[in-house]
């Protein structure tokens, strides 16, 4: 899905080429068919090729994935998820990231959320 979102549209061969440790081409086509059956992708015919494109906006998919992540790993607690993200120590937060977080908290307080 990441590759399709990045490109906007892609064939199975294009997706296969961009995967870091690709499975066989048939496995990529199978996964695309599964994603299409689940409603995440659609395709158009371009001669003998299928050109795949997402059915929902990337931002909508992101929100859905985050909601699922919070429900699955943090028992529905947004605070626990945020704390885990902030405590992740591979690299410190940049000043821009700290400002974005501060702005988001201020906005939520002002909105009463």
PDB file of N, CA and C in Angstrom:
ATOM      1  N   UNK A   1       0.831  -1.188   0.000  1.00  0.00           N
ATOM      2  CA  UNK A   1       0.000   0.000   0.000  1.00  0.00           C
ATOM      3  C   UNK A   1       0.877   1.253   0.000  1.00  0.00           C
ATOM      4  N   UNK A   2       2.001   1.198   0.744  1.00  0.00           N
ATOM      5  CA  UNK A   2       2.878   2.374   0.787  1.00  0.00           C
ATOM      6  C   UNK A   2       3.328   2.775  -0.609  1.00  0.00           C
ATOM      7  N   UNK A   3       3.699   1.795  -1.398  1.00  0.00           N
ATOM      8  CA  UNK A   3       4.186   2.085  -2.750  1.00  0.00           C
ATOM      9  C   UNK A   3       3.069   2.665  -3.605  1.00  0.00           C
ATOM     10  N   UNK A   4       1.887   2.111  -3.501  1.00  0.00           N
ATOM     11  CA  UNK A   4       0.756   2.620  -4.284  1.00  0.00           C
ATOM     12  C   UNK A   4       0.429   4.045  -3.857  1.00  0.00           C
ATOM     13  N   UNK A   5       0.445   4.316  -2.547  1.00  0.00           N
ATOM     14  CA  UNK A   5       0.193   5.684  -2.087  1.00  0.00           C
ATOM     15  C   UNK A   5       1.279   6.630  -2.579  1.00  0.00           C
ATOM     16  N   UNK A   6       2.533   6.213  -2.541  1.00  0.00           N
ATOM     17  CA  UNK A   6       3.626   7.074  -2.998  1.00  0.00           C
ATOM     18  C   UNK A   6       3.507   7.392  -4.478  1.00  0.00           C
ATOM     19  N   UNK A   7       3.183   6.396  -5.278  1.00  0.00           N
ATOM     20  CA  UNK A   7       3.129   6.574  -6.726  1.00  0.00           C
ATOM     21  C   UNK A   7       1.777   7.090  -7.214  1.00  0.00           C
ATOM     22  N   UNK A   8       0.731   6.824  -6.436  1.00  0.00           N
ATOM     23  CA  UNK A   8      -0.615   7.191  -6.875  1.00  0.00           C
ATOM     24  C   UNK A   8      -1.280   6.069  -7.638  1.00  0.00           C
ATOM     25  N   UNK A   9      -0.542   5.443  -8.527  1.00  0.00           N
ATOM     26  CA  UNK A   9      -1.013   4.303  -9.327  1.00  0.00           C
ATOM     27  C   UNK A   9       0.209   3.440  -9.616  1.00  0.00           C
ATOM     28  N   UNK A  10       0.014   2.134  -9.670  1.00  0.00           N
ATOM     29  CA  UNK A  10       1.166   1.270  -9.943  1.00  0.00           C
ATOM     30  C   UNK A  10       0.699  -0.104 -10.420  1.00  0.00           C
ATOM     31  N   UNK A  11       1.521  -0.713 -11.247  1.00  0.00           N
ATOM     32  CA  UNK A  11       1.273  -2.088 -11.675  1.00  0.00           C
ATOM     33  C   UNK A  11       1.931  -3.029 -10.667  1.00  0.00           C
ATOM     34  N   UNK A  12       1.581  -4.294 -10.741  1.00  0.00           N
ATOM     35  CA  UNK A  12       2.200  -5.292  -9.870  1.00  0.00           C
ATOM     36  C   UNK A  12       3.712  -5.331 -10.100  1.00  0.00           C
ATOM     37  N   UNK A  13       4.141  -5.220 -11.348  1.00  0.00           N
ATOM     38  CA  UNK A  13       5.578  -5.251 -11.649  1.00  0.00           C
ATOM     39  C   UNK A  13       6.290  -4.046 -11.036  1.00  0.00           C
ATOM     40  N   UNK A  14       5.678  -2.872 -11.096  1.00  0.00           N
ATOM     41  CA  UNK A  14       6.287  -1.673 -10.505  1.00  0.00           C
ATOM     42  C   UNK A  14       6.389  -1.802  -8.992  1.00  0.00           C
ATOM     43  N   UNK A  15       5.355  -2.356  -8.391  1.00  0.00           N
ATOM     44  CA  UNK A  15       5.365  -2.567  -6.947  1.00  0.00           C
ATOM     45  C   UNK A  15       6.447  -3.574  -6.586  1.00  0.00           C
ATOM     46  N   UNK A  16       6.508  -4.662  -7.320  1.00  0.00           N
ATOM     47  CA  UNK A  16       7.517  -5.705  -7.076  1.00  0.00           C
ATOM     48  C   UNK A  16       8.926  -5.126  -7.147  1.00  0.00           C
ATOM     49  N   UNK A  17       9.180  -4.274  -8.127  1.00  0.00           N
ATOM     50  CA  UNK A  17      10.502  -3.653  -8.297  1.00  0.00           C
ATOM     51  C   UNK A  17      10.904  -2.806  -7.101  1.00  0.00           C
ATOM     52  N   UNK A  18       9.945  -2.183  -6.452  1.00  0.00           N
ATOM     53  CA  UNK A  18      10.257  -1.247  -5.373  1.00  0.00           C
ATOM     54  C   UNK A  18      10.291  -1.881  -3.984  1.00  0.00           C
ATOM     55  N   UNK A  19       9.873  -3.121  -3.862  1.00  0.00           N
ATOM     56  CA  UNK A  19       9.902  -3.779  -2.553  1.00  0.00           C
ATOM     57  C   UNK A  19      11.348  -4.078  -2.159  1.00  0.00           C
ATOM     58  N   UNK A  20      11.721  -3.827  -0.902  1.00  0.00           N
ATOM     59  CA  UNK A  20      13.106  -4.024  -0.482  1.00  0.00           C
ATOM     60  C   UNK A  20      13.565  -5.481  -0.519  1.00  0.00           C
ATOM     61  N   UNK A  21      12.749  -6.416  -0.118  1.00  0.00           N
ATOM     62  CA  UNK A  21      13.098  -7.838  -0.153  1.00  0.00           C
ATOM     63  C   UNK A  21      11.887  -8.561  -0.734  1.00  0.00           C
ATOM     64  N   UNK A  22      11.704  -8.414  -2.060  1.00  0.00           N
ATOM     65  CA  UNK A  22      10.430  -8.844  -2.652  1.00  0.00           C
ATOM     66  C   UNK A  22      10.231 -10.357  -2.643  1.00  0.00           C
ATOM     67  N   UNK A  23       8.993 -10.766  -2.386  1.00  0.00           N
ATOM     68  CA  UNK A  23       8.646 -12.170  -2.598  1.00  0.00           C
ATOM     69  C   UNK A  23       8.530 -12.401  -4.105  1.00  0.00           C
ATOM     70  N   UNK A  24       8.117 -13.567  -4.502  1.00  0.00           N
ATOM     71  CA  UNK A  24       7.952 -13.814  -5.940  1.00  0.00           C
ATOM     72  C   UNK A  24       6.832 -12.917  -6.485  1.00  0.00           C
ATOM     73  N   UNK A  25       6.863 -12.673  -7.770  1.00  0.00           N
ATOM     74  CA  UNK A  25       5.891 -11.786  -8.408  1.00  0.00           C
ATOM     75  C   UNK A  25       4.458 -12.273  -8.192  1.00  0.00           C
ATOM     76  N   UNK A  26       4.264 -13.579  -8.193  1.00  0.00           N
ATOM     77  CA  UNK A  26       2.916 -14.126  -7.981  1.00  0.00           C
ATOM     78  C   UNK A  26       2.393 -13.767  -6.592  1.00  0.00           C
ATOM     79  N   UNK A  27       3.262 -13.734  -5.597  1.00  0.00           N
ATOM     80  CA  UNK A  27       2.848 -13.382  -4.235  1.00  0.00           C
ATOM     81  C   UNK A  27       2.411 -11.917  -4.175  1.00  0.00           C
ATOM     82  N   UNK A  28       3.107 -11.061  -4.914  1.00  0.00           N
ATOM     83  CA  UNK A  28       2.722  -9.645  -4.963  1.00  0.00           C
ATOM     84  C   UNK A  28       1.341  -9.518  -5.600  1.00  0.00           C
ATOM     85  N   UNK A  29       1.114 -10.212  -6.695  1.00  0.00           N
ATOM     86  CA  UNK A  29      -0.195 -10.154  -7.358  1.00  0.00           C
ATOM     87  C   UNK A  29      -1.296 -10.690  -6.446  1.00  0.00           C
ATOM     88  N   UNK A  30      -0.995 -11.752  -5.703  1.00  0.00           N
ATOM     89  CA  UNK A  30      -1.969 -12.310  -4.768  1.00  0.00           C
ATOM     90  C   UNK A  30      -2.310 -11.303  -3.684  1.00  0.00           C
ATOM     91  N   UNK A  31      -1.304 -10.640  -3.138  1.00  0.00           N
ATOM     92  CA  UNK A  31      -1.543  -9.638  -2.099  1.00  0.00           C
ATOM     93  C   UNK A  31      -2.372  -8.480  -2.646  1.00  0.00           C
ATOM     94  N   UNK A  32      -2.085  -8.070  -3.869  1.00  0.00           N
ATOM     95  CA  UNK A  32      -2.870  -6.997  -4.489  1.00  0.00           C
ATOM     96  C   UNK A  32      -4.329  -7.418  -4.652  1.00  0.00           C
ATOM     97  N   UNK A  33      -4.542  -8.656  -5.049  1.00  0.00           N
ATOM     98  CA  UNK A  33      -5.907  -9.153  -5.202  1.00  0.00           C
ATOM     99  C   UNK A  33      -6.623  -9.167  -3.844  1.00  0.00           C
ATOM    100  N   UNK A  34      -5.920  -9.562  -2.787  1.00  0.00           N
ATOM    101  CA  UNK A  34      -6.507  -9.568  -1.440  1.00  0.00           C
ATOM    102  C   UNK A  34      -6.858  -8.148  -1.010  1.00  0.00           C
ATOM    103  N   UNK A  35      -5.937  -7.209  -1.240  1.00  0.00           N
ATOM    104  CA  UNK A  35      -6.207  -5.809  -0.896  1.00  0.00           C
ATOM    105  C   UNK A  35      -7.384  -5.264  -1.698  1.00  0.00           C
ATOM    106  N   UNK A  36      -7.510  -5.706  -2.927  1.00  0.00           N
ATOM    107  CA  UNK A  36      -8.641  -5.279  -3.751  1.00  0.00           C
ATOM    108  C   UNK A  36      -9.941  -5.897  -3.222  1.00  0.00           C
ATOM    109  N   UNK A  37      -9.905  -7.172  -2.843  1.00  0.00           N
ATOM    110  CA  UNK A  37     -11.089  -7.831  -2.287  1.00  0.00           C
ATOM    111  C   UNK A  37     -11.542  -7.156  -0.992  1.00  0.00           C
ATOM    112  N   UNK A  38     -10.594  -6.654  -0.216  1.00  0.00           N
ATOM    113  CA  UNK A  38     -10.925  -5.976   1.039  1.00  0.00           C
ATOM    114  C   UNK A  38     -11.359  -4.529   0.816  1.00  0.00           C
ATOM    115  N   UNK A  39     -11.246  -4.048  -0.416  1.00  0.00           N
ATOM    116  CA  UNK A  39     -11.697  -2.703  -0.733  1.00  0.00           C
ATOM    117  C   UNK A  39     -10.643  -1.616  -0.582  1.00  0.00           C
ATOM    118  N   UNK A  40      -9.395  -1.993  -0.368  1.00  0.00           N
ATOM    119  CA  UNK A  40      -8.337  -0.998  -0.198  1.00  0.00           C
ATOM    120  C   UNK A  40      -7.800  -0.493  -1.539  1.00  0.00           C
ATOM    121  N   UNK A  41      -7.904  -1.312  -2.557  1.00  0.00           N
ATOM    122  CA  UNK A  41      -7.416  -0.973  -3.897  1.00  0.00           C
ATOM    123  C   UNK A  41      -8.488  -1.260  -4.933  1.00  0.00           C
ATOM    124  N   UNK A  42      -8.333  -0.615  -6.082  1.00  0.00           N
ATOM    125  CA  UNK A  42      -9.092  -0.964  -7.287  1.00  0.00           C
ATOM    126  C   UNK A  42      -8.076  -1.004  -8.415  1.00  0.00           C
ATOM    127  N   UNK A  43      -8.516  -1.528  -9.554  1.00  0.00           N
ATOM    128  CA  UNK A  43      -7.600  -1.526 -10.693  1.00  0.00           C
ATOM    129  C   UNK A  43      -8.341  -1.149 -11.962  1.00  0.00           C
ATOM    130  N   UNK A  44      -7.556  -0.677 -12.914  1.00  0.00           N
ATOM    131  CA  UNK A  44      -8.040  -0.438 -14.275  1.00  0.00           C
ATOM    132  C   UNK A  44      -7.154  -1.247 -15.196  1.00  0.00           C
ATOM    133  N   UNK A  45      -7.720  -1.701 -16.285  1.00  0.00           N
ATOM    134  CA  UNK A  45      -6.930  -2.434 -17.281  1.00  0.00           C
ATOM    135  C   UNK A  45      -6.209  -1.429 -18.170  1.00  0.00           C
ATOM    136  N   UNK A  46      -4.945  -1.691 -18.425  1.00  0.00           N
ATOM    137  CA  UNK A  46      -4.144  -0.911 -19.364  1.00  0.00           C
ATOM    138  C   UNK A  46      -3.478  -1.924 -20.281  1.00  0.00           C
ATOM    139  N   UNK A  47      -4.208  -2.307 -21.308  1.00  0.00           N
ATOM    140  CA  UNK A  47      -3.737  -3.408 -22.152  1.00  0.00           C
ATOM    141  C   UNK A  47      -3.764  -4.678 -21.325  1.00  0.00           C
ATOM    142  N   UNK A  48      -2.660  -5.409 -21.283  1.00  0.00           N
ATOM    143  CA  UNK A  48      -2.640  -6.654 -20.506  1.00  0.00           C
ATOM    144  C   UNK A  48      -2.374  -6.422 -19.009  1.00  0.00           C
ATOM    145  N   UNK A  49      -2.042  -5.197 -18.644  1.00  0.00           N
ATOM    146  CA  UNK A  49      -1.658  -4.914 -17.257  1.00  0.00           C
ATOM    147  C   UNK A  49      -2.840  -4.410 -16.442  1.00  0.00           C
ATOM    148  N   UNK A  50      -2.781  -4.657 -15.145  1.00  0.00           N
ATOM    149  CA  UNK A  50      -3.706  -4.047 -14.199  1.00  0.00           C
ATOM    150  C   UNK A  50      -2.950  -2.911 -13.522  1.00  0.00           C
ATOM    151  N   UNK A  51      -3.545  -1.738 -13.502  1.00  0.00           N
ATOM    152  CA  UNK A  51      -2.956  -0.594 -12.819  1.00  0.00           C
ATOM    153  C   UNK A  51      -3.788  -0.365 -11.556  1.00  0.00           C
ATOM    154  N   UNK A  52      -3.129  -0.483 -10.394  1.00  0.00           N
ATOM    155  CA  UNK A  52      -3.809  -0.398  -9.103  1.00  0.00           C
ATOM    156  C   UNK A  52      -3.733   1.011  -8.546  1.00  0.00           C
ATOM    157  N   UNK A  53      -4.791   1.397  -7.840  1.00  0.00           N
ATOM    158  CA  UNK A  53      -4.822   2.698  -7.177  1.00  0.00           C
ATOM    159  C   UNK A  53      -5.642   2.560  -5.898  1.00  0.00           C
ATOM    160  N   UNK A  54      -5.335   3.382  -4.886  1.00  0.00           N
ATOM    161  CA  UNK A  54      -6.041   3.269  -3.602  1.00  0.00           C
ATOM    162  C   UNK A  54      -7.477   3.761  -3.714  1.00  0.00           C
ATOM    163  N   UNK A  55      -8.330   3.213  -2.864  1.00  0.00           N
ATOM    164  CA  UNK A  55      -9.739   3.609  -2.864  1.00  0.00           C
ATOM    165  C   UNK A  55     -10.029   4.701  -1.841  1.00  0.00           C
ATOM    166  N   UNK A  56      -9.140   4.882  -0.880  1.00  0.00           N
ATOM    167  CA  UNK A  56      -9.336   5.934   0.123  1.00  0.00           C
ATOM    168  C   UNK A  56      -8.080   6.793   0.204  1.00  0.00           C
ATOM    169  N   UNK A  57      -8.254   8.014   0.648  1.00  0.00           N
ATOM    170  CA  UNK A  57      -7.135   8.938   0.783  1.00  0.00           C
ATOM    171  C   UNK A  57      -6.133   8.427   1.811  1.00  0.00           C
ATOM    172  N   UNK A  58      -4.881   8.753   1.579  1.00  0.00           N
ATOM    173  CA  UNK A  58      -3.809   8.331   2.480  1.00  0.00           C
ATOM    174  C   UNK A  58      -4.070   8.797   3.909  1.00  0.00           C
ATOM    175  N   UNK A  59      -4.556  10.013   4.088  1.00  0.00           N
ATOM    176  CA  UNK A  59      -4.812  10.541   5.429  1.00  0.00           C
ATOM    177  C   UNK A  59      -5.903   9.738   6.145  1.00  0.00           C
ATOM    178  N   UNK A  60      -6.903   9.291   5.416  1.00  0.00           N
ATOM    179  CA  UNK A  60      -7.972   8.468   6.009  1.00  0.00           C
ATOM    180  C   UNK A  60      -7.401   7.114   6.420  1.00  0.00           C
ATOM    181  N   UNK A  61      -6.567   6.533   5.578  1.00  0.00           N
ATOM    182  CA  UNK A  61      -5.935   5.254   5.898  1.00  0.00           C
ATOM    183  C   UNK A  61      -5.019   5.389   7.118  1.00  0.00           C
ATOM    184  N   UNK A  62      -4.299   6.514   7.199  1.00  0.00           N
ATOM    185  CA  UNK A  62      -3.428   6.751   8.358  1.00  0.00           C
ATOM    186  C   UNK A  62      -4.245   6.778   9.644  1.00  0.00           C
ATOM    187  N   UNK A  63      -5.331   7.534   9.643  1.00  0.00           N
ATOM    188  CA  UNK A  63      -6.165   7.637  10.852  1.00  0.00           C
ATOM    189  C   UNK A  63      -6.722   6.269  11.243  1.00  0.00           C
ATOM    190  N   UNK A  64      -7.146   5.502  10.270  1.00  0.00           N
ATOM    191  CA  UNK A  64      -7.674   4.170  10.546  1.00  0.00           C
ATOM    192  C   UNK A  64      -6.594   3.270  11.144  1.00  0.00           C
ATOM    193  N   UNK A  65      -5.389   3.332  10.588  1.00  0.00           N
ATOM    194  CA  UNK A  65      -4.283   2.509  11.092  1.00  0.00           C
ATOM    195  C   UNK A  65      -3.896   2.910  12.507  1.00  0.00           C
ATOM    196  N   UNK A  66      -3.872   4.213  12.772  1.00  0.00           N
ATOM    197  CA  UNK A  66      -3.524   4.690  14.117  1.00  0.00           C
ATOM    198  C   UNK A  66      -4.587   4.252  15.120  1.00  0.00           C
ATOM    199  N   UNK A  67      -5.847   4.370  14.736  1.00  0.00           N
ATOM    200  CA  UNK A  67      -6.941   3.941  15.618  1.00  0.00           C
ATOM    201  C   UNK A  67      -6.808   2.449  15.940  1.00  0.00           C
ATOM    202  N   UNK A  68      -6.496   1.656  14.927  1.00  0.00           N
ATOM    203  CA  UNK A  68      -6.314   0.214  15.134  1.00  0.00           C
ATOM    204  C   UNK A  68      -5.107  -0.046  16.038  1.00  0.00           C
ATOM    205  N   UNK A  69      -4.005   0.644  15.798  1.00  0.00           N
ATOM    206  CA  UNK A  69      -2.797   0.493  16.607  1.00  0.00           C
ATOM    207  C   UNK A  69      -3.072   0.815  18.074  1.00  0.00           C
ATOM    208  N   UNK A  70      -3.750   1.930  18.325  1.00  0.00           N
ATOM    209  CA  UNK A  70      -4.052   2.333  19.699  1.00  0.00           C
ATOM    210  C   UNK A  70      -4.961   1.315  20.372  1.00  0.00           C
ATOM    211  N   UNK A  71      -5.956   0.843  19.644  1.00  0.00           N
ATOM    212  CA  UNK A  71      -6.863  -0.155  20.211  1.00  0.00           C
ATOM    213  C   UNK A  71      -6.170  -1.472  20.497  1.00  0.00           C
ATOM    214  N   UNK A  72      -5.280  -1.885  19.595  1.00  0.00           N
ATOM    215  CA  UNK A  72      -4.622  -3.180  19.724  1.00  0.00           C
ATOM    216  C   UNK A  72      -3.511  -3.186  20.770  1.00  0.00           C
ATOM    217  N   UNK A  73      -2.653  -2.174  20.742  1.00  0.00           N
ATOM    218  CA  UNK A  73      -1.456  -2.209  21.580  1.00  0.00           C
ATOM    219  C   UNK A  73      -1.524  -1.335  22.828  1.00  0.00           C
ATOM    220  N   UNK A  74      -2.478  -0.411  22.893  1.00  0.00           N
ATOM    221  CA  UNK A  74      -2.538   0.510  24.024  1.00  0.00           C
ATOM    222  C   UNK A  74      -3.901   0.495  24.698  1.00  0.00           C
ATOM    223  N   UNK A  75      -4.664  -0.566  24.473  1.00  0.00           N
ATOM    224  CA  UNK A  75      -5.957  -0.751  25.117  1.00  0.00           C
ATOM    225  C   UNK A  75      -6.864   0.467  24.952  1.00  0.00           C
ATOM    226  N   UNK A  76      -6.738   1.115  23.790  1.00  0.00           N
ATOM    227  CA  UNK A  76      -7.588   2.266  23.487  1.00  0.00           C
ATOM    228  C   UNK A  76      -7.117   3.577  24.081  1.00  0.00           C
ATOM    229  N   UNK A  77      -6.000   3.587  24.785  1.00  0.00           N
ATOM    230  CA  UNK A  77      -5.522   4.799  25.451  1.00  0.00           C
ATOM    231  C   UNK A  77      -4.625   5.619  24.527  1.00  0.00           C
ATOM    232  N   UNK A  78      -5.139   6.770  24.096  1.00  0.00           N
ATOM    233  CA  UNK A  78      -4.319   7.664  23.271  1.00  0.00           C
ATOM    234  C   UNK A  78      -3.147   8.206  24.075  1.00  0.00           C
ATOM    235  N   UNK A  79      -3.377   8.457  25.370  1.00  0.00           N
ATOM    236  CA  UNK A  79      -2.307   8.980  26.221  1.00  0.00           C
ATOM    237  C   UNK A  79      -1.149   7.978  26.307  1.00  0.00           C
ATOM    238  N   UNK A  80      -1.471   6.694  26.458  1.00  0.00           N
ATOM    239  CA  UNK A  80      -0.414   5.677  26.531  1.00  0.00           C
ATOM    240  C   UNK A  80       0.340   5.589  25.207  1.00  0.00           C
ATOM    241  N   UNK A  81      -0.378   5.719  24.106  1.00  0.00           N
ATOM    242  CA  UNK A  81       0.275   5.675  22.792  1.00  0.00           C
ATOM    243  C   UNK A  81       1.200   6.870  22.609  1.00  0.00           C
ATOM    244  N   UNK A  82       0.730   8.054  22.979  1.00  0.00           N
ATOM    245  CA  UNK A  82       1.556   9.265  22.860  1.00  0.00           C
ATOM    246  C   UNK A  82       2.779   9.149  23.761  1.00  0.00           C
ATOM    247  N   UNK A  83       2.583   8.678  24.982  1.00  0.00           N
ATOM    248  CA  UNK A  83       3.712   8.518  25.904  1.00  0.00           C
ATOM    249  C   UNK A  83       4.746   7.555  25.323  1.00  0.00           C
ATOM    250  N   UNK A  84       4.289   6.455  24.740  1.00  0.00           N
ATOM    251  CA  UNK A  84       5.217   5.494  24.136  1.00  0.00           C
ATOM    252  C   UNK A  84       5.988   6.131  22.987  1.00  0.00           C
ATOM    253  N   UNK A  85       5.323   6.923  22.187  1.00  0.00           N
ATOM    254  CA  UNK A  85       5.995   7.605  21.080  1.00  0.00           C
ATOM    255  C   UNK A  85       7.028   8.610  21.583  1.00  0.00           C
ATOM    256  N   UNK A  86       6.670   9.338  22.626  1.00  0.00           N
ATOM    257  CA  UNK A  86       7.579  10.343  23.158  1.00  0.00           C
ATOM    258  C   UNK A  86       8.778   9.720  23.865  1.00  0.00           C
ATOM    259  N   UNK A  87       8.586   8.537  24.422  1.00  0.00           N
ATOM    260  CA  UNK A  87       9.670   7.861  25.132  1.00  0.00           C
ATOM    261  C   UNK A  87      10.562   7.051  24.201  1.00  0.00           C
ATOM    262  N   UNK A  88      10.142   6.858  22.979  1.00  0.00           N
ATOM    263  CA  UNK A  88      10.947   6.130  21.996  1.00  0.00           C
ATOM    264  C   UNK A  88      12.266   6.876  21.865  1.00  0.00           C
ATOM    265  N   UNK A  89      13.389   6.160  22.050  1.00  0.00           N
ATOM    266  CA  UNK A  89      14.651   6.867  22.248  1.00  0.00           C
ATOM    267  C   UNK A  89      15.678   6.702  21.130  1.00  0.00           C
ATOM    268  N   UNK A  90      15.288   6.292  19.948  1.00  0.00           N
ATOM    269  CA  UNK A  90      16.264   6.177  18.865  1.00  0.00           C
ATOM    270  C   UNK A  90      16.892   7.526  18.540  1.00  0.00           C
ATOM    271  N   UNK A  91      16.104   8.582  18.689  1.00  0.00           N
ATOM    272  CA  UNK A  91      16.631   9.928  18.466  1.00  0.00           C
ATOM    273  C   UNK A  91      15.762  10.904  19.250  1.00  0.00           C
ATOM    274  N   UNK A  92      16.349  11.976  19.725  1.00  0.00           N
ATOM    275  CA  UNK A  92      15.537  12.955  20.464  1.00  0.00           C
ATOM    276  C   UNK A  92      14.600  13.700  19.516  1.00  0.00           C
ATOM    277  N   UNK A  93      13.534  14.249  20.085  1.00  0.00           N
ATOM    278  CA  UNK A  93      12.611  15.067  19.298  1.00  0.00           C
ATOM    279  C   UNK A  93      13.334  16.326  18.826  1.00  0.00           C
ATOM    280  N   UNK A  94      13.060  16.709  17.598  1.00  0.00           N
ATOM    281  CA  UNK A  94      13.613  17.963  17.090  1.00  0.00           C
ATOM    282  C   UNK A  94      12.801  19.117  17.678  1.00  0.00           C
ATOM    283  N   UNK A  95      13.336  20.316  17.590  1.00  0.00           N
ATOM    284  CA  UNK A  95      12.592  21.475  18.102  1.00  0.00           C
ATOM    285  C   UNK A  95      11.292  21.661  17.315  1.00  0.00           C
ATOM    286  N   UNK A  96      11.318  21.354  16.014  1.00  0.00           N
ATOM    287  CA  UNK A  96      10.097  21.450  15.210  1.00  0.00           C
ATOM    288  C   UNK A  96       9.043  20.450  15.683  1.00  0.00           C
ATOM    289  N   UNK A  97       9.468  19.227  16.001  1.00  0.00           N
ATOM    290  CA  UNK A  97       8.524  18.218  16.495  1.00  0.00           C
ATOM    291  C   UNK A  97       7.951  18.635  17.845  1.00  0.00           C
ATOM    292  N   UNK A  98       8.804  19.169  18.735  1.00  0.00           N
ATOM    293  CA  UNK A  98       8.306  19.640  20.038  1.00  0.00           C
ATOM    294  C   UNK A  98       7.289  20.755  19.849  1.00  0.00           C
ATOM    295  N   UNK A  99       7.544  21.652  18.903  1.00  0.00           N
ATOM    296  CA  UNK A  99       6.613  22.751  18.637  1.00  0.00           C
ATOM    297  C   UNK A  99       5.287  22.223  18.084  1.00  0.00           C
ATOM    298  N   UNK A 100       5.340  21.232  17.199  1.00  0.00           N
ATOM    299  CA  UNK A 100       4.114  20.642  16.649  1.00  0.00           C
ATOM    300  C   UNK A 100       3.283  20.009  17.755  1.00  0.00           C
ATOM    301  N   UNK A 101       3.945  19.313  18.674  1.00  0.00           N
ATOM    302  CA  UNK A 101       3.239  18.674  19.787  1.00  0.00           C
ATOM    303  C   UNK A 101       2.619  19.731  20.693  1.00  0.00           C
ATOM    304  N   UNK A 102       3.384  20.755  21.017  1.00  0.00           N
ATOM    305  CA  UNK A 102       2.882  21.847  21.864  1.00  0.00           C
ATOM    306  C   UNK A 102       1.671  22.512  21.215  1.00  0.00           C
ATOM    307  N   UNK A 103       1.758  22.777  19.920  1.00  0.00           N
ATOM    308  CA  UNK A 103       0.643  23.414  19.204  1.00  0.00           C
ATOM    309  C   UNK A 103      -0.595  22.532  19.213  1.00  0.00           C
ATOM    310  N   UNK A 104      -0.409  21.241  19.025  1.00  0.00           N
ATOM    311  CA  UNK A 104      -1.549  20.316  19.028  1.00  0.00           C
ATOM    312  C   UNK A 104      -2.221  20.286  20.394  1.00  0.00           C
ATOM    313  N   UNK A 105      -1.427  20.252  21.464  1.00  0.00           N
ATOM    314  CA  UNK A 105      -1.995  20.238  22.816  1.00  0.00           C
ATOM    315  C   UNK A 105      -2.740  21.543  23.093  1.00  0.00           C
ATOM    316  N   UNK A 106      -2.165  22.666  22.706  1.00  0.00           N
ATOM    317  CA  UNK A 106      -2.843  23.963  22.900  1.00  0.00           C
ATOM    318  C   UNK A 106      -4.174  24.011  22.145  1.00  0.00           C
ATOM    319  N   UNK A 107      -4.147  23.525  20.908  1.00  0.00           N
ATOM    320  CA  UNK A 107      -5.374  23.530  20.098  1.00  0.00           C
ATOM    321  C   UNK A 107      -6.454  22.662  20.743  1.00  0.00           C
ATOM    322  N   UNK A 108      -6.072  21.481  21.208  1.00  0.00           N
ATOM    323  CA  UNK A 108      -7.029  20.585  21.846  1.00  0.00           C
ATOM    324  C   UNK A 108      -7.600  21.190  23.136  1.00  0.00           C
ATOM    325  N   UNK A 109      -6.751  21.849  23.892  1.00  0.00           N
ATOM    326  CA  UNK A 109      -7.228  22.518  25.117  1.00  0.00           C
ATOM    327  C   UNK A 109      -8.224  23.623  24.774  1.00  0.00           C
ATOM    328  N   UNK A 110      -7.891  24.403  23.761  1.00  0.00           N
ATOM    329  CA  UNK A 110      -8.773  25.510  23.359  1.00  0.00           C
ATOM    330  C   UNK A 110     -10.122  24.989  22.858  1.00  0.00           C
ATOM    331  N   UNK A 111     -10.096  23.832  22.215  1.00  0.00           N
ATOM    332  CA  UNK A 111     -11.329  23.235  21.697  1.00  0.00           C
ATOM    333  C   UNK A 111     -12.078  22.452  22.786  1.00  0.00           C
ATOM    334  N   UNK A 112     -11.471  22.311  23.932  1.00  0.00           N
ATOM    335  CA  UNK A 112     -12.107  21.582  25.033  1.00  0.00           C
ATOM    336  C   UNK A 112     -12.096  20.081  24.850  1.00  0.00           C
ATOM    337  N   UNK A 113     -11.142  19.581  24.084  1.00  0.00           N
ATOM    338  CA  UNK A 113     -11.094  18.134  23.843  1.00  0.00           C
ATOM    339  C   UNK A 113     -10.070  17.467  24.733  1.00  0.00           C
TER     340      UNK A 113
END
